[in-house]
Amino acid sequence: MTKRAPPPQMGDRRAVLAAALARLAPRLPAFEAEAVLDRAMRSPGLRGAVPETAVWLALTAFARHAFTEYDDLLAEGYDRDSARHFVLDAMNAVLTDWGSRRLVSETEEADDRADS
C-alpha cells in the first residue's frame, strides 16, 4: 500500500495554488503570477474553491482587467456581458501567450467571485 501525503495545511494554500497556476499557465511571468495568486488568496469567493478552479477564475479575471479594454468598456456604459464579448479574443490571446491550453469561450461566464 502506498501512503498518501497528508492534505495541505491552510498555510500551504498559496503553494498549492502556485502549483496549479504553473500547470495552467506555464509561461505566465512571475510578476503576473504573484498578482493572480494574490487575487486567488484574497477573494472571499475563491478561498474554499478547488485550487484549479480558484486559479482559473483569478487568472481570467486578472487577464480581463489588466490586459484588455474591459474596464474602459464598462466605463463607457457597456454591460458586463457585452464588454466580455468584445474582449474575448484579447483575453484568449493573452492566455495563449501564457501557455494556457484552456481558453474562455463565448458561453463560459467567468465567475463574478473573482471579478471584484
Protein backbone atom coordinates (compact mmCIF):
# COMPACT_ATOMS: atom_id res chain seq x y z
CA MET A 1 0.00 0.00 0.00
CA THR A 2 1.25 3.45 -0.86
CA LYS A 3 0.95 6.17 1.72
CA ARG A 4 -0.89 9.27 0.68
CA ALA A 5 0.51 12.64 1.52
CA PRO A 6 -1.47 14.45 4.18
CA PRO A 7 -3.77 17.20 2.91
CA PRO A 8 -2.09 20.61 2.72
CA GLN A 9 -2.45 22.91 5.69
CA MET A 10 -4.13 26.29 5.24
CA GLY A 11 -0.70 27.97 5.27
CA ASP A 12 0.23 25.83 2.27
CA ARG A 13 -2.73 27.03 0.18
CA ARG A 14 -0.61 29.58 -1.68
CA ALA A 15 1.89 26.88 -2.62
CA VAL A 16 -0.91 24.58 -3.81
CA LEU A 17 -2.41 27.43 -5.84
CA ALA A 18 1.01 28.29 -7.28
CA ALA A 19 1.49 24.71 -8.44
CA ALA A 20 -1.96 24.68 -10.06
CA LEU A 21 -1.23 28.02 -11.75
CA ALA A 22 2.11 26.76 -13.08
CA ARG A 23 0.29 23.82 -14.68
CA LEU A 24 -2.44 26.04 -16.10
CA ALA A 25 -0.27 28.88 -17.44
CA PRO A 26 3.34 27.68 -17.56
CA ARG A 27 4.67 30.79 -19.34
CA LEU A 28 2.98 33.29 -17.04
CA PRO A 29 5.68 35.77 -15.92
CA ALA A 30 6.49 35.70 -12.21
CA PHE A 31 5.17 39.22 -11.57
CA GLU A 32 1.80 38.39 -13.09
CA ALA A 33 1.73 35.02 -11.30
CA GLU A 34 2.09 36.82 -7.97
CA ALA A 35 -0.81 39.13 -8.86
CA VAL A 36 -3.00 36.16 -9.82
CA LEU A 37 -2.10 34.30 -6.62
CA ASP A 38 -2.83 37.40 -4.54
CA ARG A 39 -6.26 37.64 -6.19
CA ALA A 40 -6.98 33.95 -5.58
CA MET A 41 -5.90 34.23 -1.95
CA ARG A 42 -7.80 37.41 -1.07
CA SER A 43 -11.07 36.79 -2.90
CA PRO A 44 -13.63 35.53 -0.36
CA GLY A 45 -15.44 33.55 -3.03
CA LEU A 46 -12.30 31.67 -4.05
CA ARG A 47 -10.96 30.75 -0.62
CA GLY A 48 -12.80 27.44 -0.49
CA ALA A 49 -12.60 26.63 -4.18
CA VAL A 50 -10.62 23.74 -5.60
CA PRO A 51 -7.14 25.11 -6.44
CA GLU A 52 -7.52 24.64 -10.21
CA THR A 53 -10.86 26.46 -10.17
CA ALA A 54 -9.56 29.25 -7.95
CA VAL A 55 -6.52 29.98 -10.12
CA TRP A 56 -8.51 29.72 -13.36
CA LEU A 57 -11.04 32.27 -12.15
CA ALA A 58 -8.33 34.52 -10.74
CA LEU A 59 -6.27 34.19 -13.94
CA THR A 60 -9.15 35.07 -16.25
CA ALA A 61 -10.24 37.98 -14.08
CA PHE A 62 -6.66 39.27 -13.99
CA ALA A 63 -6.28 38.94 -17.77
CA ARG A 64 -9.62 40.65 -18.36
CA HIS A 65 -8.89 43.63 -16.12
CA ALA A 66 -5.15 44.09 -16.71
CA PHE A 67 -4.71 43.17 -20.38
CA THR A 68 -7.93 44.16 -22.14
CA GLU A 69 -10.15 47.21 -22.51
CA TYR A 70 -12.84 45.61 -20.34
CA ASP A 71 -12.85 48.31 -17.64
CA ASP A 72 -12.88 51.06 -20.27
CA LEU A 73 -15.89 49.45 -21.96
CA LEU A 74 -17.73 49.30 -18.65
CA ALA A 75 -16.90 52.97 -18.04
CA GLU A 76 -18.33 53.78 -21.48
CA GLY A 77 -21.63 52.21 -20.46
CA TYR A 78 -21.40 48.69 -21.88
CA ASP A 79 -22.98 46.00 -19.74
CA ARG A 80 -20.71 43.22 -18.44
CA ASP A 81 -21.81 40.60 -20.96
CA SER A 82 -21.22 42.94 -23.91
CA ALA A 83 -17.87 44.09 -22.56
CA ARG A 84 -16.81 40.48 -22.04
CA HIS A 85 -17.85 39.64 -25.59
CA PHE A 86 -15.70 42.43 -27.02
CA VAL A 87 -12.57 41.45 -25.06
CA LEU A 88 -12.84 37.70 -25.56
CA ASP A 89 -10.27 37.47 -28.36
CA ALA A 90 -7.78 39.66 -26.48
CA MET A 91 -8.19 37.55 -23.35
CA ASN A 92 -7.64 34.32 -25.23
CA ALA A 93 -4.56 35.76 -26.93
CA VAL A 94 -3.09 36.62 -23.53
CA LEU A 95 -3.96 33.18 -22.14
CA THR A 96 -2.33 31.55 -25.17
CA ASP A 97 0.81 33.67 -24.70
CA TRP A 98 0.96 32.40 -21.12
CA GLY A 99 0.86 28.80 -22.35
CA SER A 100 -2.69 28.04 -21.31
CA ARG A 101 -4.34 25.30 -23.33
CA ARG A 102 -7.67 26.27 -21.82
CA LEU A 103 -9.40 29.34 -23.27
CA VAL A 104 -12.50 31.31 -22.41
CA SER A 105 -15.47 30.56 -24.66
CA GLU A 106 -18.38 32.79 -25.59
CA THR A 107 -20.71 30.68 -23.45
CA GLU A 108 -18.38 30.43 -20.47
CA GLU A 109 -19.00 33.09 -17.92
CA ALA A 110 -16.09 33.84 -15.64
CA ASP A 111 -17.33 33.67 -12.09
CA ASP A 112 -18.13 37.04 -10.50
CA ARG A 113 -16.39 35.96 -7.31
CA ALA A 114 -13.02 36.54 -8.99
CA ASP A 115 -14.05 39.80 -10.61
CA SER A 116 -14.03 42.01 -7.57
